[in-house]
Amino acid sequence: MAETLDTSKGWCCDGRTWTEHAAEGGGCCQPEGKQIADLPPEGQEKARERTAQAGG
């Protein structure tokens, strides 16, 4: 089953969404609204993998 990623608030540098970090108590390494291209290379790779797995 595909997981749904809420990317409306952007991404964190570890490849998780900002919303995921907020749901786990915060701690995102960068401000809300960052796009995949704004992430460090390893974060971009993880975010793209996760987006592909979610069917996006």
N, C-alpha and C. Protein backbone atom coordinates (compact mmCIF):
# COMPACT_ATOMS: atom_id res chain seq x y z
N MET A 1 0.84 -1.18 0.00
CA MET A 1 0.00 0.00 0.00
C MET A 1 0.89 1.25 0.00
N ALA A 2 0.55 2.19 -0.85
CA ALA A 2 1.36 3.41 -0.96
C ALA A 2 1.12 4.32 0.23
N GLU A 3 2.18 4.92 0.69
CA GLU A 3 2.06 5.85 1.80
C GLU A 3 1.77 7.23 1.23
N THR A 4 1.03 8.03 1.96
CA THR A 4 0.71 9.37 1.51
C THR A 4 1.64 10.35 2.20
N LEU A 5 2.35 11.13 1.42
CA LEU A 5 3.26 12.13 1.96
C LEU A 5 2.60 13.50 1.88
N ASP A 6 2.56 14.20 2.99
CA ASP A 6 2.04 15.56 2.99
C ASP A 6 3.22 16.50 2.77
N THR A 7 3.40 16.92 1.55
CA THR A 7 4.52 17.78 1.20
C THR A 7 4.12 19.25 1.17
N SER A 8 2.94 19.57 1.65
CA SER A 8 2.43 20.94 1.56
C SER A 8 3.29 21.94 2.33
N LYS A 9 4.00 21.47 3.35
CA LYS A 9 4.85 22.37 4.14
C LYS A 9 6.32 22.20 3.84
N GLY A 10 6.63 21.39 2.83
CA GLY A 10 8.02 21.23 2.41
C GLY A 10 8.70 20.02 3.02
N TRP A 11 10.03 20.05 2.92
CA TRP A 11 10.87 18.91 3.28
C TRP A 11 11.91 19.29 4.32
N CYS A 12 12.40 18.28 5.04
CA CYS A 12 13.51 18.44 5.98
C CYS A 12 14.76 17.81 5.36
N CYS A 13 15.92 18.19 5.86
CA CYS A 13 17.17 17.78 5.22
C CYS A 13 17.44 16.28 5.29
N ASP A 14 16.69 15.55 6.11
CA ASP A 14 16.91 14.10 6.17
C ASP A 14 16.01 13.33 5.21
N GLY A 15 15.25 14.05 4.38
CA GLY A 15 14.40 13.39 3.39
C GLY A 15 13.00 13.09 3.88
N ARG A 16 12.69 13.53 5.09
CA ARG A 16 11.31 13.39 5.58
C ARG A 16 10.58 14.71 5.36
N THR A 17 9.25 14.66 5.37
CA THR A 17 8.51 15.90 5.17
C THR A 17 8.48 16.72 6.45
N TRP A 18 8.28 18.02 6.29
CA TRP A 18 8.19 18.92 7.42
C TRP A 18 7.03 18.49 8.32
N THR A 19 5.94 18.05 7.69
CA THR A 19 4.76 17.61 8.45
C THR A 19 5.07 16.38 9.30
N GLU A 20 5.86 15.46 8.77
CA GLU A 20 6.25 14.27 9.55
C GLU A 20 7.03 14.68 10.79
N HIS A 21 7.96 15.61 10.64
CA HIS A 21 8.72 16.07 11.79
C HIS A 21 7.82 16.75 12.81
N ALA A 22 6.89 17.58 12.34
CA ALA A 22 5.97 18.27 13.25
C ALA A 22 5.12 17.27 14.02
N ALA A 23 4.68 16.20 13.35
CA ALA A 23 3.86 15.18 14.00
C ALA A 23 4.65 14.42 15.06
N GLU A 24 5.97 14.39 14.92
CA GLU A 24 6.83 13.69 15.86
C GLU A 24 7.44 14.64 16.89
N GLY A 25 6.90 15.84 16.97
CA GLY A 25 7.37 16.77 17.97
C GLY A 25 8.33 17.82 17.45
N GLY A 26 8.40 17.95 16.13
CA GLY A 26 9.25 18.99 15.56
C GLY A 26 10.67 18.53 15.36
N GLY A 27 11.57 19.47 15.30
CA GLY A 27 12.98 19.15 15.16
C GLY A 27 13.46 19.11 13.73
N CYS A 28 12.70 19.70 12.81
CA CYS A 28 13.17 19.76 11.43
C CYS A 28 14.42 20.64 11.38
N CYS A 29 15.37 20.25 10.56
CA CYS A 29 16.65 20.94 10.51
C CYS A 29 16.62 22.21 9.67
N GLN A 30 15.50 22.53 9.08
CA GLN A 30 15.41 23.74 8.27
C GLN A 30 13.99 24.28 8.31
N PRO A 31 13.78 25.52 7.87
CA PRO A 31 12.46 26.13 7.97
C PRO A 31 11.42 25.46 7.07
N GLU A 32 10.18 25.67 7.42
CA GLU A 32 9.06 25.18 6.63
C GLU A 32 9.15 25.73 5.20
N GLY A 33 8.72 24.93 4.23
CA GLY A 33 8.62 25.40 2.86
C GLY A 33 9.76 25.02 1.94
N LYS A 34 10.73 24.23 2.43
CA LYS A 34 11.86 23.85 1.57
C LYS A 34 11.43 22.79 0.56
N GLN A 35 11.95 22.92 -0.64
CA GLN A 35 11.67 21.95 -1.70
C GLN A 35 12.80 20.92 -1.75
N ILE A 36 12.57 19.83 -2.48
CA ILE A 36 13.59 18.78 -2.58
C ILE A 36 14.92 19.35 -3.06
N ALA A 37 14.88 20.28 -4.01
CA ALA A 37 16.11 20.86 -4.55
C ALA A 37 16.89 21.65 -3.51
N ASP A 38 16.24 22.07 -2.42
CA ASP A 38 16.91 22.82 -1.37
C ASP A 38 17.63 21.93 -0.37
N LEU A 39 17.42 20.63 -0.45
CA LEU A 39 17.98 19.70 0.53
C LEU A 39 19.42 19.35 0.18
N PRO A 40 20.17 18.86 1.19
CA PRO A 40 21.51 18.33 0.88
C PRO A 40 21.37 17.09 -0.01
N PRO A 41 22.41 16.71 -0.74
CA PRO A 41 22.31 15.59 -1.70
C PRO A 41 21.69 14.32 -1.13
N GLU A 42 22.10 13.90 0.06
CA GLU A 42 21.54 12.65 0.61
C GLU A 42 20.06 12.81 0.96
N GLY A 43 19.68 13.99 1.40
CA GLY A 43 18.27 14.26 1.69
C GLY A 43 17.44 14.26 0.42
N GLN A 44 17.99 14.84 -0.65
CA GLN A 44 17.30 14.85 -1.94
C GLN A 44 17.05 13.42 -2.41
N GLU A 45 18.06 12.59 -2.29
CA GLU A 45 17.94 11.20 -2.73
C GLU A 45 16.84 10.47 -1.95
N LYS A 46 16.84 10.62 -0.62
CA LYS A 46 15.83 9.97 0.22
C LYS A 46 14.44 10.51 -0.10
N ALA A 47 14.33 11.83 -0.26
CA ALA A 47 13.02 12.43 -0.55
C ALA A 47 12.48 11.93 -1.88
N ARG A 48 13.35 11.83 -2.89
CA ARG A 48 12.91 11.35 -4.20
C ARG A 48 12.49 9.88 -4.14
N GLU A 49 13.23 9.08 -3.40
CA GLU A 49 12.86 7.67 -3.23
C GLU A 49 11.50 7.56 -2.56
N ARG A 50 11.28 8.35 -1.54
CA ARG A 50 10.02 8.30 -0.80
C ARG A 50 8.87 8.79 -1.67
N THR A 51 9.12 9.83 -2.48
CA THR A 51 8.09 10.33 -3.38
C THR A 51 7.72 9.28 -4.41
N ALA A 52 8.72 8.58 -4.94
CA ALA A 52 8.47 7.52 -5.91
C ALA A 52 7.67 6.37 -5.30
N GLN A 53 8.01 6.01 -4.06
CA GLN A 53 7.30 4.93 -3.37
C GLN A 53 5.85 5.30 -3.09
N ALA A 54 5.60 6.60 -2.87
CA ALA A 54 4.25 7.07 -2.56
C ALA A 54 3.43 7.27 -3.84
N GLY A 55 4.06 7.03 -4.98
CA GLY A 55 3.36 7.15 -6.24
C GLY A 55 3.26 8.57 -6.75
N GLY A 56 4.16 9.43 -6.25
CA GLY A 56 4.10 10.83 -6.64
C GLY A 56 5.22 11.16 -7.55
